Amino acid sequence: MSFASPVPAEWSPHRAMWVGWPSHGELWEDNLEPAQDEVEALVRALAGPGRERVRLMVGKPDALEDACARFAGVDAVEISDGRFGDIWLRDTGPIFGPGSARAAAFRFNGWGGKYDLEHDDTVAEQIGQASATPLDRHDFILEGGALDHDGQGTILTTRQCLLNPNRNAGWTEAAAETALSEAIGARKVLWLGDGLLNDHTDGHVDNLARFVAPGVVACPIGWGRNDPNHAVYDAVARDLSAMTDAEGRPIQLLRLPSPGLVLDEDERPVPASHMNFLIANGAVIVPTYGDEAAARLVCEGLATVFTDREIIPLPSTAILSGGGSFHCISQQEPA
């Protein structure tokens, strides 16, 4: 079964927002508490007056007490005692349709077999049950972060991820478009090429380009001389400039500074991205990585299109050590 209408845009009203809570010390090691602090700041921003009802999924029993204590007295935060391998609910959870009347669930194989963690393949079912949302199950592999939606049936994705043989062997653009049309009401798919350097998701588009309004896509521009993704960003902008959406509108670009070169503890570039912002009721939460000038310019740019929302920059350096950021750890339930 597919949705009667396409997946709503992220800027549409939400009835709730799911967020994953860092729960596994054996995965996060020294970054566990710093990551929890960053997620706590995100959740408190989301749960501000008139914003989101946050459904915080805790993935391990021994992390439950601390999570409950941190949010005691915050009425807009509901603690969900779940099970997951790690916090990336955008990829392991379901994609909710219009009004959250139904949600689409897909097979999950640990981002092409890289990280096969216990319980991750059950997250969609857990969220479906906890939200009382019927699931439509589809027999192909898909992660939510591989797609971005304009609410009118136009989908952004990358060939590097969606056509990767480690997901659905033998998929072509035509096969993928048919599957997305049947599952989530896609009318047109805009294909980009490669994602960020060292992105273990094989180029998820939510690190690369995002719809911010019908016909308008935000994408990065290189920041600093040593930005390792400078050429990738320019290729994305060039490709998008030649595209139209499902309504036939030429795509307009909002180019925003990337975080530049960000290194891990081994001095390797990591896939830091301001594009992993989260669009919430009343706010847009922007991940930052230490460069205040770049973050300020990104927030100023987003404020030109999200005039009805507060633009809130928050640190996401510890969360990034696990491989993603705010958008990756969340999933909205459309109202």
C-alpha atoms as a PDB file:
ATOM      1  CA  MET A   1       0.000   0.000   0.000  1.00  0.00           C
ATOM      2  CA  SER A   2       1.162   3.555  -0.693  1.00  0.00           C
ATOM      3  CA  PHE A   3       0.090   6.869   0.798  1.00  0.00           C
ATOM      4  CA  ALA A   4      -2.846   8.588  -0.881  1.00  0.00           C
ATOM      5  CA  SER A   5      -0.721  11.765  -0.931  1.00  0.00           C
ATOM      6  CA  PRO A   6       3.054  12.263  -0.842  1.00  0.00           C
ATOM      7  CA  VAL A   7       5.083  12.417   2.372  1.00  0.00           C
ATOM      8  CA  PRO A   8       4.509  15.858   3.956  1.00  0.00           C
ATOM      9  CA  ALA A   9       7.351  18.357   3.899  1.00  0.00           C
ATOM     10  CA  GLU A  10       9.269  18.582   7.145  1.00  0.00           C
ATOM     11  CA  TRP A  11       8.068  22.173   7.633  1.00  0.00           C
ATOM     12  CA  SER A  12       4.453  20.945   7.808  1.00  0.00           C
ATOM     13  CA  PRO A  13       2.952  20.827  11.325  1.00  0.00           C
ATOM     14  CA  HIS A  14       3.910  17.841  13.496  1.00  0.00           C
ATOM     15  CA  ARG A  15       1.961  16.041  16.170  1.00  0.00           C
ATOM     16  CA  ALA A  16       5.223  14.696  17.675  1.00  0.00           C
ATOM     17  CA  MET A  17       8.962  14.358  17.090  1.00  0.00           C
ATOM     18  CA  TRP A  18      10.888  11.165  17.827  1.00  0.00           C
ATOM     19  CA  VAL A  19      14.480  11.543  19.055  1.00  0.00           C
ATOM     20  CA  GLY A  20      17.000   8.823  19.905  1.00  0.00           C
ATOM     21  CA  TRP A  21      18.839   9.020  23.244  1.00  0.00           C
ATOM     22  CA  PRO A  22      22.538   7.952  23.341  1.00  0.00           C
ATOM     23  CA  SER A  23      22.296   4.807  25.404  1.00  0.00           C
ATOM     24  CA  HIS A  24      25.248   2.497  24.709  1.00  0.00           C
ATOM     25  CA  GLY A  25      28.528   3.224  26.454  1.00  0.00           C
ATOM     26  CA  GLU A  26      30.269   0.492  24.507  1.00  0.00           C
ATOM     27  CA  LEU A  27      29.567   2.411  21.278  1.00  0.00           C
ATOM     28  CA  TRP A  28      30.059   6.002  22.412  1.00  0.00           C
ATOM     29  CA  GLU A  29      32.839   5.422  24.943  1.00  0.00           C
ATOM     30  CA  ASP A  30      34.231   8.784  26.152  1.00  0.00           C
ATOM     31  CA  ASN A  31      31.717  10.644  23.982  1.00  0.00           C
ATOM     32  CA  LEU A  32      28.639   9.137  25.659  1.00  0.00           C
ATOM     33  CA  GLU A  33      28.050  11.885  28.215  1.00  0.00           C
ATOM     34  CA  PRO A  34      28.992  14.739  25.829  1.00  0.00           C
ATOM     35  CA  ALA A  35      26.594  13.293  23.232  1.00  0.00           C
ATOM     36  CA  GLN A  36      23.859  13.010  25.859  1.00  0.00           C
ATOM     37  CA  ASP A  37      24.416  16.649  26.805  1.00  0.00           C
ATOM     38  CA  GLU A  38      24.072  17.715  23.154  1.00  0.00           C
ATOM     39  CA  VAL A  39      20.913  15.657  22.683  1.00  0.00           C
ATOM     40  CA  GLU A  40      19.487  17.078  25.903  1.00  0.00           C
ATOM     41  CA  ALA A  41      20.001  20.607  24.550  1.00  0.00           C
ATOM     42  CA  LEU A  42      18.286  19.588  21.290  1.00  0.00           C
ATOM     43  CA  VAL A  43      15.324  18.040  23.118  1.00  0.00           C
ATOM     44  CA  ARG A  44      14.878  21.081  25.364  1.00  0.00           C
ATOM     45  CA  ALA A  45      14.890  23.353  22.313  1.00  0.00           C
ATOM     46  CA  LEU A  46      12.319  21.142  20.586  1.00  0.00           C
ATOM     47  CA  ALA A  47      10.131  21.027  23.694  1.00  0.00           C
ATOM     48  CA  GLY A  48       9.946  24.813  24.064  1.00  0.00           C
ATOM     49  CA  PRO A  49       6.553  26.525  24.353  1.00  0.00           C
ATOM     50  CA  GLY A  50       4.356  25.916  21.315  1.00  0.00           C
ATOM     51  CA  ARG A  51       6.841  23.571  19.648  1.00  0.00           C
ATOM     52  CA  GLU A  52       7.084  19.795  19.730  1.00  0.00           C
ATOM     53  CA  ARG A  53       5.812  16.920  21.769  1.00  0.00           C
ATOM     54  CA  VAL A  54       9.088  14.992  21.966  1.00  0.00           C
ATOM     55  CA  ARG A  55       9.035  11.211  22.104  1.00  0.00           C
ATOM     56  CA  LEU A  56      12.495  10.327  23.390  1.00  0.00           C
ATOM     57  CA  MET A  57      13.416   6.723  22.675  1.00  0.00           C
ATOM     58  CA  VAL A  58      15.906   5.272  25.150  1.00  0.00           C
ATOM     59  CA  GLY A  59      17.538   2.176  23.726  1.00  0.00           C
ATOM     60  CA  LYS A  60      18.872   0.345  26.787  1.00  0.00           C
ATOM     61  CA  PRO A  61      17.437  -0.295  30.265  1.00  0.00           C
ATOM     62  CA  ASP A  62      20.413   1.060  32.205  1.00  0.00           C
ATOM     63  CA  ALA A  63      20.149   4.419  30.397  1.00  0.00           C
ATOM     64  CA  LEU A  64      16.501   4.904  31.311  1.00  0.00           C
ATOM     65  CA  GLU A  65      16.896   6.310  34.828  1.00  0.00           C
ATOM     66  CA  ASP A  66      19.293   9.075  33.768  1.00  0.00           C
ATOM     67  CA  ALA A  67      17.108  10.086  30.809  1.00  0.00           C
ATOM     68  CA  CYS A  68      14.021  10.272  33.030  1.00  0.00           C
ATOM     69  CA  ALA A  69      15.900  12.355  35.594  1.00  0.00           C
ATOM     70  CA  ARG A  70      17.186  14.827  33.010  1.00  0.00           C
ATOM     71  CA  PHE A  71      13.702  15.576  31.715  1.00  0.00           C
ATOM     72  CA  ALA A  72      11.725  15.327  34.931  1.00  0.00           C
ATOM     73  CA  GLY A  73       9.142  18.078  34.938  1.00  0.00           C
ATOM     74  CA  VAL A  74       9.400  18.766  31.198  1.00  0.00           C
ATOM     75  CA  ASP A  75       5.805  18.048  30.234  1.00  0.00           C
ATOM     76  CA  ALA A  76       6.432  18.044  26.487  1.00  0.00           C
ATOM     77  CA  VAL A  77       8.955  15.181  26.719  1.00  0.00           C
ATOM     78  CA  GLU A  78       7.668  11.612  26.780  1.00  0.00           C
ATOM     79  CA  ILE A  79      10.241   8.910  27.561  1.00  0.00           C
ATOM     80  CA  SER A  80       9.861   5.754  25.462  1.00  0.00           C
ATOM     81  CA  ASP A  81      11.544   2.599  26.774  1.00  0.00           C
ATOM     82  CA  GLY A  82      12.628   0.998  23.510  1.00  0.00           C
ATOM     83  CA  ARG A  83      15.447  -1.064  22.080  1.00  0.00           C
ATOM     84  CA  PHE A  84      17.826  -0.025  19.343  1.00  0.00           C
ATOM     85  CA  GLY A  85      21.402  -0.623  18.266  1.00  0.00           C
ATOM     86  CA  ASP A  86      22.055   3.133  18.102  1.00  0.00           C
ATOM     87  CA  ILE A  87      20.224   6.459  17.938  1.00  0.00           C
ATOM     88  CA  TRP A  88      19.783   6.964  14.184  1.00  0.00           C
ATOM     89  CA  LEU A  89      15.980   6.827  14.142  1.00  0.00           C
ATOM     90  CA  ARG A  90      15.753   8.735  10.831  1.00  0.00           C
ATOM     91  CA  ASP A  91      17.195   5.641   9.161  1.00  0.00           C
ATOM     92  CA  THR A  92      15.785   2.780  11.238  1.00  0.00           C
ATOM     93  CA  GLY A  93      12.336   4.190  11.968  1.00  0.00           C
ATOM     94  CA  PRO A  94       9.316   4.424   9.652  1.00  0.00           C
ATOM     95  CA  ILE A  95       8.443   7.297   7.312  1.00  0.00           C
ATOM     96  CA  PHE A  96       5.087   8.778   8.333  1.00  0.00           C
ATOM     97  CA  GLY A  97       2.511   9.706   5.726  1.00  0.00           C
ATOM     98  CA  PRO A  98      -0.066  12.521   5.693  1.00  0.00           C
ATOM     99  CA  GLY A  99      -1.637  13.057   9.090  1.00  0.00           C
ATOM    100  CA  SER A 100       0.392  10.117  10.403  1.00  0.00           C
ATOM    101  CA  ALA A 101      -2.576   7.941   9.488  1.00  0.00           C
ATOM    102  CA  ARG A 102      -0.102   5.345   8.212  1.00  0.00           C
ATOM    103  CA  ALA A 103       3.671   4.934   8.060  1.00  0.00           C
ATOM    104  CA  ALA A 104       5.936   3.130   5.627  1.00  0.00           C
ATOM    105  CA  ALA A 105       8.455   0.618   7.007  1.00  0.00           C
ATOM    106  CA  PHE A 106      11.379  -0.787   5.055  1.00  0.00           C
ATOM    107  CA  ARG A 107      14.056  -3.409   5.429  1.00  0.00           C
ATOM    108  CA  PHE A 108      17.239  -2.238   7.148  1.00  0.00           C
ATOM    109  CA  ASN A 109      20.684  -3.803   6.716  1.00  0.00           C
ATOM    110  CA  GLY A 110      23.015  -1.614   8.754  1.00  0.00           C
ATOM    111  CA  TRP A 111      23.877   0.918   6.041  1.00  0.00           C
ATOM    112  CA  GLY A 112      24.958  -1.669   3.529  1.00  0.00           C
ATOM    113  CA  GLY A 113      26.197  -4.178   6.108  1.00  0.00           C
ATOM    114  CA  LYS A 114      28.645  -1.834   7.840  1.00  0.00           C
ATOM    115  CA  TYR A 115      26.995  -1.719  11.264  1.00  0.00           C
ATOM    116  CA  ASP A 116      24.750  -4.674  12.046  1.00  0.00           C
ATOM    117  CA  LEU A 117      23.490  -3.808  15.517  1.00  0.00           C
ATOM    118  CA  GLU A 118      20.912  -5.734  17.526  1.00  0.00           C
ATOM    119  CA  HIS A 119      17.353  -4.327  17.532  1.00  0.00           C
ATOM    120  CA  ASP A 120      17.891  -1.742  14.759  1.00  0.00           C
ATOM    121  CA  ASP A 121      15.752  -3.818  12.407  1.00  0.00           C
ATOM    122  CA  THR A 122      12.846  -3.661  14.905  1.00  0.00           C
ATOM    123  CA  VAL A 123      12.791   0.127  15.482  1.00  0.00           C
ATOM    124  CA  ALA A 124      10.140   0.832  12.832  1.00  0.00           C
ATOM    125  CA  GLU A 125       7.794  -1.682  14.444  1.00  0.00           C
ATOM    126  CA  GLN A 126       8.427  -0.250  17.923  1.00  0.00           C
ATOM    127  CA  ILE A 127       7.707   3.310  16.784  1.00  0.00           C
ATOM    128  CA  GLY A 128       4.616   2.167  14.908  1.00  0.00           C
ATOM    129  CA  GLN A 129       3.257   0.478  18.032  1.00  0.00           C
ATOM    130  CA  ALA A 130       4.166   3.332  20.389  1.00  0.00           C
ATOM    131  CA  SER A 131       2.558   5.920  18.112  1.00  0.00           C
ATOM    132  CA  ALA A 132      -0.456   3.708  17.316  1.00  0.00           C
ATOM    133  CA  THR A 133       0.311   4.085  13.603  1.00  0.00           C
ATOM    134  CA  PRO A 134      -0.410   1.213  11.176  1.00  0.00           C
ATOM    135  CA  LEU A 135       2.665   0.244   9.170  1.00  0.00           C
ATOM    136  CA  ASP A 136       2.821  -0.532   5.462  1.00  0.00           C
ATOM    137  CA  ARG A 137       5.791  -2.869   5.035  1.00  0.00           C
ATOM    138  CA  HIS A 138       7.881  -2.743   1.873  1.00  0.00           C
ATOM    139  CA  ASP A 139      10.329  -5.432   0.830  1.00  0.00           C
ATOM    140  CA  PHE A 140      13.295  -3.280  -0.087  1.00  0.00           C
ATOM    141  CA  ILE A 141      16.096  -1.590   1.846  1.00  0.00           C
ATOM    142  CA  LEU A 142      15.755   2.124   2.520  1.00  0.00           C
ATOM    143  CA  GLU A 143      16.945   4.586   5.161  1.00  0.00           C
ATOM    144  CA  GLY A 144      14.988   7.761   5.790  1.00  0.00           C
ATOM    145  CA  GLY A 145      18.090   9.934   5.622  1.00  0.00           C
ATOM    146  CA  ALA A 146      18.618   8.861   2.020  1.00  0.00           C
ATOM    147  CA  LEU A 147      15.611  10.972   0.964  1.00  0.00           C
ATOM    148  CA  ASP A 148      14.354  14.519   1.352  1.00  0.00           C
ATOM    149  CA  HIS A 149      10.781  15.595   0.543  1.00  0.00           C
ATOM    150  CA  ASP A 150       9.108  18.799  -0.642  1.00  0.00           C
ATOM    151  CA  GLY A 151       5.599  17.698   0.401  1.00  0.00           C
ATOM    152  CA  GLN A 152       4.378  17.712  -3.206  1.00  0.00           C
ATOM    153  CA  GLY A 153       5.926  14.463  -4.382  1.00  0.00           C
ATOM    154  CA  THR A 154       9.438  15.649  -5.302  1.00  0.00           C
ATOM    155  CA  ILE A 155      12.212  13.639  -3.659  1.00  0.00           C
ATOM    156  CA  LEU A 156      15.922  14.392  -3.422  1.00  0.00           C
ATOM    157  CA  THR A 157      18.370  11.489  -3.212  1.00  0.00           C
ATOM    158  CA  THR A 158      21.850  10.367  -4.291  1.00  0.00           C
ATOM    159  CA  ARG A 159      22.889   7.638  -6.667  1.00  0.00           C
ATOM    160  CA  GLN A 160      25.789   6.783  -4.369  1.00  0.00           C
ATOM    161  CA  CYS A 161      23.361   5.582  -1.706  1.00  0.00           C
ATOM    162  CA  LEU A 162      20.123   4.564  -3.365  1.00  0.00           C
ATOM    163  CA  LEU A 163      21.708   2.691  -6.266  1.00  0.00           C
ATOM    164  CA  ASN A 164      24.487   1.157  -4.180  1.00  0.00           C
ATOM    165  CA  PRO A 165      24.565  -2.631  -4.660  1.00  0.00           C
ATOM    166  CA  ASN A 166      25.030  -3.030  -0.899  1.00  0.00           C
ATOM    167  CA  ARG A 167      21.392  -1.933  -0.503  1.00  0.00           C
ATOM    168  CA  ASN A 168      19.218  -3.300  -3.315  1.00  0.00           C
ATOM    169  CA  ALA A 169      21.294  -5.259  -5.817  1.00  0.00           C
ATOM    170  CA  GLY A 170      20.445  -4.490  -9.418  1.00  0.00           C
ATOM    171  CA  TRP A 171      18.460  -1.335  -8.736  1.00  0.00           C
ATOM    172  CA  THR A 172      18.361   1.217 -11.534  1.00  0.00           C
ATOM    173  CA  GLU A 173      16.998   4.737 -11.360  1.00  0.00           C
ATOM    174  CA  ALA A 174      13.785   3.482 -12.958  1.00  0.00           C
ATOM    175  CA  ALA A 175      13.433   0.619 -10.469  1.00  0.00           C
ATOM    176  CA  ALA A 176      14.038   2.926  -7.527  1.00  0.00           C
ATOM    177  CA  GLU A 177      11.567   5.506  -8.821  1.00  0.00           C
ATOM    178  CA  THR A 178       8.884   2.843  -9.209  1.00  0.00           C
ATOM    179  CA  ALA A 179       9.490   1.576  -5.682  1.00  0.00           C
ATOM    180  CA  LEU A 180       9.347   5.084  -4.179  1.00  0.00           C
ATOM    181  CA  SER A 181       6.227   5.941  -6.140  1.00  0.00           C
ATOM    182  CA  GLU A 182       4.443   2.835  -4.936  1.00  0.00           C
ATOM    183  CA  ALA A 183       5.603   3.120  -1.308  1.00  0.00           C
ATOM    184  CA  ILE A 184       5.532   6.834  -0.449  1.00  0.00           C
ATOM    185  CA  GLY A 185       3.772   8.609  -3.297  1.00  0.00           C
ATOM    186  CA  ALA A 186       6.859   9.969  -5.058  1.00  0.00           C
ATOM    187  CA  ARG A 187       6.015  11.847  -8.264  1.00  0.00           C
ATOM    188  CA  LYS A 188       9.523  12.870  -9.306  1.00  0.00           C
ATOM    189  CA  VAL A 189      12.991  11.921  -8.053  1.00  0.00           C
ATOM    190  CA  LEU A 190      15.879  14.369  -8.364  1.00  0.00           C
ATOM    191  CA  TRP A 191      19.117  12.396  -8.596  1.00  0.00           C
ATOM    192  CA  LEU A 192      22.372  13.772  -7.199  1.00  0.00           C
ATOM    193  CA  GLY A 193      25.729  12.009  -7.387  1.00  0.00           C
ATOM    194  CA  ASP A 194      28.081  11.492  -4.453  1.00  0.00           C
ATOM    195  CA  GLY A 195      27.717  12.547  -0.851  1.00  0.00           C
ATOM    196  CA  LEU A 196      30.299  13.737   1.663  1.00  0.00           C
ATOM    197  CA  LEU A 197      33.764  12.295   2.075  1.00  0.00           C
ATOM    198  CA  ASN A 198      33.940   9.465   4.652  1.00  0.00           C
ATOM    199  CA  ASP A 199      30.171   9.356   5.125  1.00  0.00           C
ATOM    200  CA  HIS A 200      29.491   5.768   6.197  1.00  0.00           C
ATOM    201  CA  THR A 201      25.899   6.097   4.967  1.00  0.00           C
ATOM    202  CA  ASP A 202      27.211   6.129   1.386  1.00  0.00           C
ATOM    203  CA  GLY A 203      26.069   9.663   0.731  1.00  0.00           C
ATOM    204  CA  HIS A 204      22.798  10.349   2.539  1.00  0.00           C
ATOM    205  CA  VAL A 205      21.159  13.398   1.025  1.00  0.00           C
ATOM    206  CA  ASP A 206      20.247  14.907   4.413  1.00  0.00           C
ATOM    207  CA  ASN A 207      23.942  15.773   4.760  1.00  0.00           C
ATOM    208  CA  LEU A 208      24.065  17.251   1.262  1.00  0.00           C
ATOM    209  CA  ALA A 209      20.920  19.083   0.101  1.00  0.00           C
ATOM    210  CA  ARG A 210      17.550  19.843   1.701  1.00  0.00           C
ATOM    211  CA  PHE A 211      14.256  21.314   0.599  1.00  0.00           C
ATOM    212  CA  VAL A 212      13.494  24.488   2.532  1.00  0.00           C
ATOM    213  CA  ALA A 213      10.403  25.537   0.526  1.00  0.00           C
ATOM    214  CA  PRO A 214       8.596  24.280  -2.587  1.00  0.00           C
ATOM    215  CA  GLY A 215      11.084  24.609  -5.421  1.00  0.00           C
ATOM    216  CA  VAL A 216      13.901  25.803  -3.127  1.00  0.00           C
ATOM    217  CA  VAL A 217      16.832  23.609  -2.053  1.00  0.00           C
ATOM    218  CA  ALA A 218      19.547  24.497   0.447  1.00  0.00           C
ATOM    219  CA  CYS A 219      22.992  23.117  -0.356  1.00  0.00           C
ATOM    220  CA  PRO A 220      26.482  23.934   0.930  1.00  0.00           C
ATOM    221  CA  ILE A 221      29.239  26.030  -0.498  1.00  0.00           C
ATOM    222  CA  GLY A 222      32.797  25.203   0.512  1.00  0.00           C
ATOM    223  CA  TRP A 223      34.121  27.055   3.568  1.00  0.00           C
ATOM    224  CA  GLY A 224      37.854  27.609   3.836  1.00  0.00           C
ATOM    225  CA  ARG A 225      40.645  26.525   1.535  1.00  0.00           C
ATOM    226  CA  ASN A 226      40.858  22.983   2.888  1.00  0.00           C
ATOM    227  CA  ASP A 227      37.194  21.998   2.628  1.00  0.00           C
ATOM    228  CA  PRO A 228      37.388  18.363   1.437  1.00  0.00           C
ATOM    229  CA  ASN A 229      33.923  18.495  -0.159  1.00  0.00           C
ATOM    230  CA  HIS A 230      34.298  21.688  -2.171  1.00  0.00           C
ATOM    231  CA  ALA A 231      33.994  19.919  -5.549  1.00  0.00           C
ATOM    232  CA  VAL A 232      31.054  17.796  -4.354  1.00  0.00           C
ATOM    233  CA  TYR A 233      29.137  20.890  -3.258  1.00  0.00           C
ATOM    234  CA  ASP A 234      29.696  22.630  -6.569  1.00  0.00           C
ATOM    235  CA  ALA A 235      28.578  19.529  -8.484  1.00  0.00           C
ATOM    236  CA  VAL A 236      25.381  19.416  -6.419  1.00  0.00           C
ATOM    237  CA  ALA A 237      24.648  23.089  -7.127  1.00  0.00           C
ATOM    238  CA  ARG A 238      25.345  22.646 -10.834  1.00  0.00           C
ATOM    239  CA  ASP A 239      23.093  19.585 -11.086  1.00  0.00           C
ATOM    240  CA  LEU A 240      20.219  21.118  -9.123  1.00  0.00           C
ATOM    241  CA  SER A 241      20.333  24.296 -11.221  1.00  0.00           C
ATOM    242  CA  ALA A 242      19.339  22.244 -14.252  1.00  0.00           C
ATOM    243  CA  MET A 243      16.424  20.451 -12.557  1.00  0.00           C
ATOM    244  CA  THR A 244      12.714  21.057 -12.094  1.00  0.00           C
ATOM    245  CA  ASP A 245      10.413  19.673  -9.423  1.00  0.00           C
ATOM    246  CA  ALA A 246       7.232  17.606  -9.790  1.00  0.00           C
ATOM    247  CA  GLU A 247       5.264  20.796 -10.490  1.00  0.00           C
ATOM    248  CA  GLY A 248       7.684  21.861 -13.236  1.00  0.00           C
ATOM    249  CA  ARG A 249       9.270  24.696 -11.224  1.00  0.00           C
ATOM    250  CA  PRO A 250      12.991  25.284 -11.791  1.00  0.00           C
ATOM    251  CA  ILE A 251      14.921  24.512  -8.630  1.00  0.00           C
ATOM    252  CA  GLN A 252      16.205  27.621  -6.855  1.00  0.00           C
ATOM    253  CA  LEU A 253      19.288  27.311  -4.663  1.00  0.00           C
ATOM    254  CA  LEU A 254      20.041  28.628  -1.184  1.00  0.00           C
ATOM    255  CA  ARG A 255      23.770  28.085  -0.825  1.00  0.00           C
ATOM    256  CA  LEU A 256      24.993  28.095   2.771  1.00  0.00           C
ATOM    257  CA  PRO A 257      28.523  27.738   4.162  1.00  0.00           C
ATOM    258  CA  SER A 258      29.680  24.251   5.024  1.00  0.00           C
ATOM    259  CA  PRO A 259      31.477  23.721   8.363  1.00  0.00           C
ATOM    260  CA  GLY A 260      34.746  23.444   6.389  1.00  0.00           C
ATOM    261  CA  LEU A 261      37.358  20.878   7.315  1.00  0.00           C
ATOM    262  CA  VAL A 262      36.432  19.043  10.523  1.00  0.00           C
ATOM    263  CA  LEU A 263      38.756  16.267  11.723  1.00  0.00           C
ATOM    264  CA  ASP A 264      38.263  13.341  14.088  1.00  0.00           C
ATOM    265  CA  GLU A 265      40.735  12.285  16.795  1.00  0.00           C
ATOM    266  CA  ASP A 266      42.767  10.442  14.140  1.00  0.00           C
ATOM    267  CA  GLU A 267      42.991  13.585  11.979  1.00  0.00           C
ATOM    268  CA  ARG A 268      40.625  12.170   9.339  1.00  0.00           C
ATOM    269  CA  PRO A 269      37.944  14.393   7.753  1.00  0.00           C
ATOM    270  CA  VAL A 270      34.481  13.669   9.131  1.00  0.00           C
ATOM    271  CA  PRO A 271      31.139  14.351   7.369  1.00  0.00           C
ATOM    272  CA  ALA A 272      30.155  17.447   9.344  1.00  0.00           C
ATOM    273  CA  SER A 273      27.202  19.198   7.736  1.00  0.00           C
ATOM    274  CA  HIS A 274      24.950  22.127   8.519  1.00  0.00           C
ATOM    275  CA  MET A 275      22.439  20.473   6.153  1.00  0.00           C
ATOM    276  CA  ASN A 276      21.555  18.057   8.961  1.00  0.00           C
ATOM    277  CA  PHE A 277      19.322  20.758  10.442  1.00  0.00           C
ATOM    278  CA  LEU A 278      15.983  19.722  11.919  1.00  0.00           C
ATOM    279  CA  ILE A 279      12.807  21.594  10.947  1.00  0.00           C
ATOM    280  CA  ALA A 280      10.445  21.627  13.918  1.00  0.00           C
ATOM    281  CA  ASN A 281       7.217  23.344  14.902  1.00  0.00           C
ATOM    282  CA  GLY A 282       8.306  26.912  15.548  1.00  0.00           C
ATOM    283  CA  ALA A 283      12.051  26.348  15.146  1.00  0.00           C
ATOM    284  CA  VAL A 284      14.876  25.134  12.946  1.00  0.00           C
ATOM    285  CA  ILE A 285      17.691  23.531  14.936  1.00  0.00           C
ATOM    286  CA  VAL A 286      21.076  23.866  13.200  1.00  0.00           C
ATOM    287  CA  PRO A 287      24.049  21.645  14.132  1.00  0.00           C
ATOM    288  CA  THR A 288      27.329  23.496  14.619  1.00  0.00           C
ATOM    289  CA  TYR A 289      30.901  22.230  14.802  1.00  0.00           C
ATOM    290  CA  GLY A 290      33.012  25.010  16.268  1.00  0.00           C
ATOM    291  CA  ASP A 291      33.192  27.617  13.496  1.00  0.00           C
ATOM    292  CA  GLU A 292      31.017  30.459  14.764  1.00  0.00           C
ATOM    293  CA  ALA A 293      31.254  32.552  11.582  1.00  0.00           C
ATOM    294  CA  ALA A 294      30.061  29.709   9.346  1.00  0.00           C
ATOM    295  CA  ALA A 295      27.241  28.840  11.763  1.00  0.00           C
ATOM    296  CA  ARG A 296      26.091  32.469  11.944  1.00  0.00           C
ATOM    297  CA  LEU A 297      25.912  32.780   8.162  1.00  0.00           C
ATOM    298  CA  VAL A 298      23.970  29.514   7.870  1.00  0.00           C
ATOM    299  CA  CYS A 299      21.439  30.693  10.447  1.00  0.00           C
ATOM    300  CA  GLU A 300      21.066  34.050   8.686  1.00  0.00           C
ATOM    301  CA  GLY A 301      20.449  32.259   5.393  1.00  0.00           C
ATOM    302  CA  LEU A 302      17.856  29.881   6.831  1.00  0.00           C
ATOM    303  CA  ALA A 303      16.074  32.808   8.483  1.00  0.00           C
ATOM    304  CA  THR A 304      15.320  34.209   5.021  1.00  0.00           C
ATOM    305  CA  VAL A 305      13.144  31.203   4.159  1.00  0.00           C
ATOM    306  CA  PHE A 306      11.888  30.154   7.607  1.00  0.00           C
ATOM    307  CA  THR A 307      10.539  33.561   8.594  1.00  0.00           C
ATOM    308  CA  ASP A 308       7.988  32.026  10.980  1.00  0.00           C
ATOM    309  CA  ARG A 309      10.506  29.975  12.975  1.00  0.00           C
ATOM    310  CA  GLU A 310      13.309  30.654  15.428  1.00  0.00           C
ATOM    311  CA  ILE A 311      16.677  29.537  14.033  1.00  0.00           C
ATOM    312  CA  ILE A 312      18.620  27.870  16.866  1.00  0.00           C
ATOM    313  CA  PRO A 313      22.283  26.832  16.484  1.00  0.00           C
ATOM    314  CA  LEU A 314      23.429  24.081  18.837  1.00  0.00           C
ATOM    315  CA  PRO A 315      26.697  22.119  19.115  1.00  0.00           C
ATOM    316  CA  SER A 316      26.728  18.636  17.598  1.00  0.00           C
ATOM    317  CA  THR A 317      30.410  17.679  17.730  1.00  0.00           C
ATOM    318  CA  ALA A 318      29.983  14.719  20.095  1.00  0.00           C
ATOM    319  CA  ILE A 319      26.942  13.389  18.216  1.00  0.00           C
ATOM    320  CA  LEU A 320      28.958  13.616  14.992  1.00  0.00           C
ATOM    321  CA  SER A 321      31.552  11.277  16.522  1.00  0.00           C
ATOM    322  CA  GLY A 322      28.906   8.582  16.096  1.00  0.00           C
ATOM    323  CA  GLY A 323      28.397   9.433  12.429  1.00  0.00           C
ATOM    324  CA  GLY A 324      25.467  11.862  12.198  1.00  0.00           C
ATOM    325  CA  SER A 325      23.649  14.817  13.698  1.00  0.00           C
ATOM    326  CA  PHE A 326      20.219  16.205  14.644  1.00  0.00           C
ATOM    327  CA  HIS A 327      18.286  15.153  11.557  1.00  0.00           C
ATOM    328  CA  CYS A 328      19.781  11.656  11.707  1.00  0.00           C
ATOM    329  CA  ILE A 329      18.563  11.003  15.257  1.00  0.00           C
ATOM    330  CA  SER A 330      14.998  12.216  14.743  1.00  0.00           C
ATOM    331  CA  GLN A 331      11.777  11.443  12.871  1.00  0.00           C
ATOM    332  CA  GLN A 332       8.628  13.559  12.761  1.00  0.00           C
ATOM    333  CA  GLU A 333       5.001  12.493  12.963  1.00  0.00           C
ATOM    334  CA  PRO A 334       3.051  14.880  10.679  1.00  0.00           C
ATOM    335  CA  ALA A 335      -0.134  16.343  12.144  1.00  0.00           C
END
